[in-house]
Protein backbone atom coordinates (compact mmCIF):
# COMPACT_ATOMS: atom_id res chain seq x y z
CA MET A 1 -29.94 -45.39 17.79
CA ILE A 2 -30.37 -42.49 15.37
CA LYS A 3 -30.50 -39.98 18.23
CA LYS A 4 -27.31 -41.43 19.70
CA LYS A 5 -25.48 -41.11 16.36
CA PHE A 6 -26.78 -37.57 15.97
CA VAL A 7 -25.60 -36.63 19.46
CA ASN A 8 -22.22 -38.26 18.84
CA SER A 9 -21.80 -36.40 15.56
CA LEU A 10 -22.72 -33.13 17.29
CA ILE A 11 -20.15 -33.82 20.00
CA ILE A 12 -17.48 -34.61 17.42
CA THR A 13 -18.20 -31.51 15.31
CA SER A 14 -18.41 -29.22 18.32
CA ARG A 15 -15.15 -30.66 19.67
CA SER A 16 -13.40 -30.09 16.35
CA ILE A 17 -14.71 -26.51 16.20
CA ILE A 18 -13.51 -25.86 19.75
CA LEU A 19 -10.10 -27.34 18.95
CA LYS A 20 -9.82 -25.14 15.86
CA ILE A 21 -10.73 -22.04 17.85
CA LEU A 22 -8.53 -22.88 20.84
CA ASN A 23 -5.63 -24.28 18.86
CA PRO A 24 -2.60 -23.53 21.06
CA PHE A 25 -0.33 -23.14 18.06
CA LEU A 26 -2.56 -20.46 16.58
CA ILE A 27 -2.71 -18.66 19.91
CA ILE A 28 1.08 -18.80 20.28
CA GLN A 29 1.50 -17.65 16.69
CA LYS A 30 -0.81 -14.67 17.27
CA ILE A 31 1.05 -13.76 20.46
CA THR A 32 4.47 -13.98 18.79
CA ILE A 33 3.27 -11.86 15.86
CA ALA A 34 1.95 -9.23 18.28
CA ILE A 35 5.22 -9.25 20.25
CA ARG A 36 7.27 -9.03 17.05
CA ILE A 37 5.26 -6.05 15.83
CA LYS A 38 5.59 -4.30 19.20
CA LEU A 39 9.36 -4.94 19.27
CA LEU A 40 9.70 -3.54 15.75
CA ILE A 41 7.85 -0.39 16.79
CA ILE A 42 10.04 0.01 19.90
CA THR A 43 13.22 -0.64 17.90
CA CYS A 44 12.18 1.85 15.23
CA HIS A 45 11.53 4.50 17.90
CA ALA A 46 14.85 3.77 19.60
CA MET A 47 16.76 3.94 16.31
CA LYS A 48 15.18 7.33 15.53
CA ASN A 49 16.35 8.61 18.91
CA ILE A 50 19.85 7.19 18.36
CA ILE A 51 20.06 8.74 14.89
CA ASN A 52 18.95 12.12 16.26
CA THR A 53 21.55 11.87 19.04
CA PHE A 54 24.31 10.99 16.58
CA MET A 55 23.31 13.81 14.24
CA HIS A 56 23.37 16.28 17.12
CA MET A 57 26.67 15.04 18.56
CA SER A 58 28.37 14.55 15.19
CA THR A 59 28.29 18.30 14.51
CA HIS A 60 30.08 18.97 17.80
CA ILE A 61 32.60 16.18 17.18
CA THR A 62 33.25 17.36 13.61
CA ARG A 63 33.84 20.93 14.74
CA PHE A 64 36.14 19.75 17.51
CA MET A 65 38.12 17.57 15.08
CA GLU A 66 38.48 20.50 12.68
CA TYR A 67 39.74 22.58 15.59
CA ALA A 68 42.08 19.78 16.66
CA ASN A 69 43.73 19.83 13.22
CA MET A 70 44.94 16.24 13.59
CA ASN A 71 46.82 16.81 16.82
CA GLU A 72 47.29 13.37 18.42
CA ILE A 73 46.40 14.39 21.97
CA LEU A 74 43.23 16.11 20.88
CA MET A 75 42.31 13.14 18.67
CA VAL A 76 42.53 10.89 21.74
CA ILE A 77 40.18 13.27 23.54
CA VAL A 78 37.75 13.13 20.60
CA MET A 79 37.79 9.32 20.64
CA TYR A 80 37.18 9.42 24.39
CA LEU A 81 34.18 11.71 23.87
CA ILE A 82 32.81 9.37 21.20
CA ASN A 83 33.12 6.43 23.61
CA ILE A 84 31.29 8.42 26.30
CA LEU A 85 28.50 9.11 23.82
CA LEU A 86 28.21 5.44 22.90
CA LYS A 87 28.20 4.37 26.56
CA ARG A 88 25.35 6.79 27.27
CA ILE A 89 23.39 5.35 24.38
CA ILE A 90 24.03 1.84 25.72
CA LYS A 91 22.65 2.86 29.11
CA ILE A 92 19.50 4.25 27.49
CA TYR A 93 18.93 1.45 24.99
CA LEU A 94 19.94 -2.13 25.64
CA HIS A 95 20.41 -2.93 21.98
CA GLY A 96 22.81 -0.02 21.70
CA HIS A 97 25.54 -2.48 22.68
CA VAL A 98 25.35 -3.98 19.20
CA ILE A 99 25.76 -0.54 17.65
CA HIS A 100 28.73 0.12 19.96
CA LYS A 101 30.41 -3.10 18.80
CA ILE A 102 29.78 -2.28 15.14
CA MET A 103 31.12 1.26 15.57
CA ASN A 104 34.28 -0.01 17.29
CA GLN A 105 34.89 -2.58 14.55
CA GLU A 106 34.79 0.11 11.87
């Protein structure tokens, strides 16, 4: 009788330890945290590339706008070039679509 209780208690404790180790919620939580960290790293890298692209293109656009001297036809061309730039960024980065919408709203 004592051996049976001892074996049963061992089974119960080992089962609880296994359930704690293999808890599906903990596994899912660890996976989501890893995915979230990886997405943050990818987003940070993409944003750095987008910022570098804008900094490079903004100098050309600013010079062209100074040269345009507020002429309406040339301003339309500048806006067209800005849209081309944004569309290229959207093709490279999927989340660039959000930036494109924000830029068009401003």
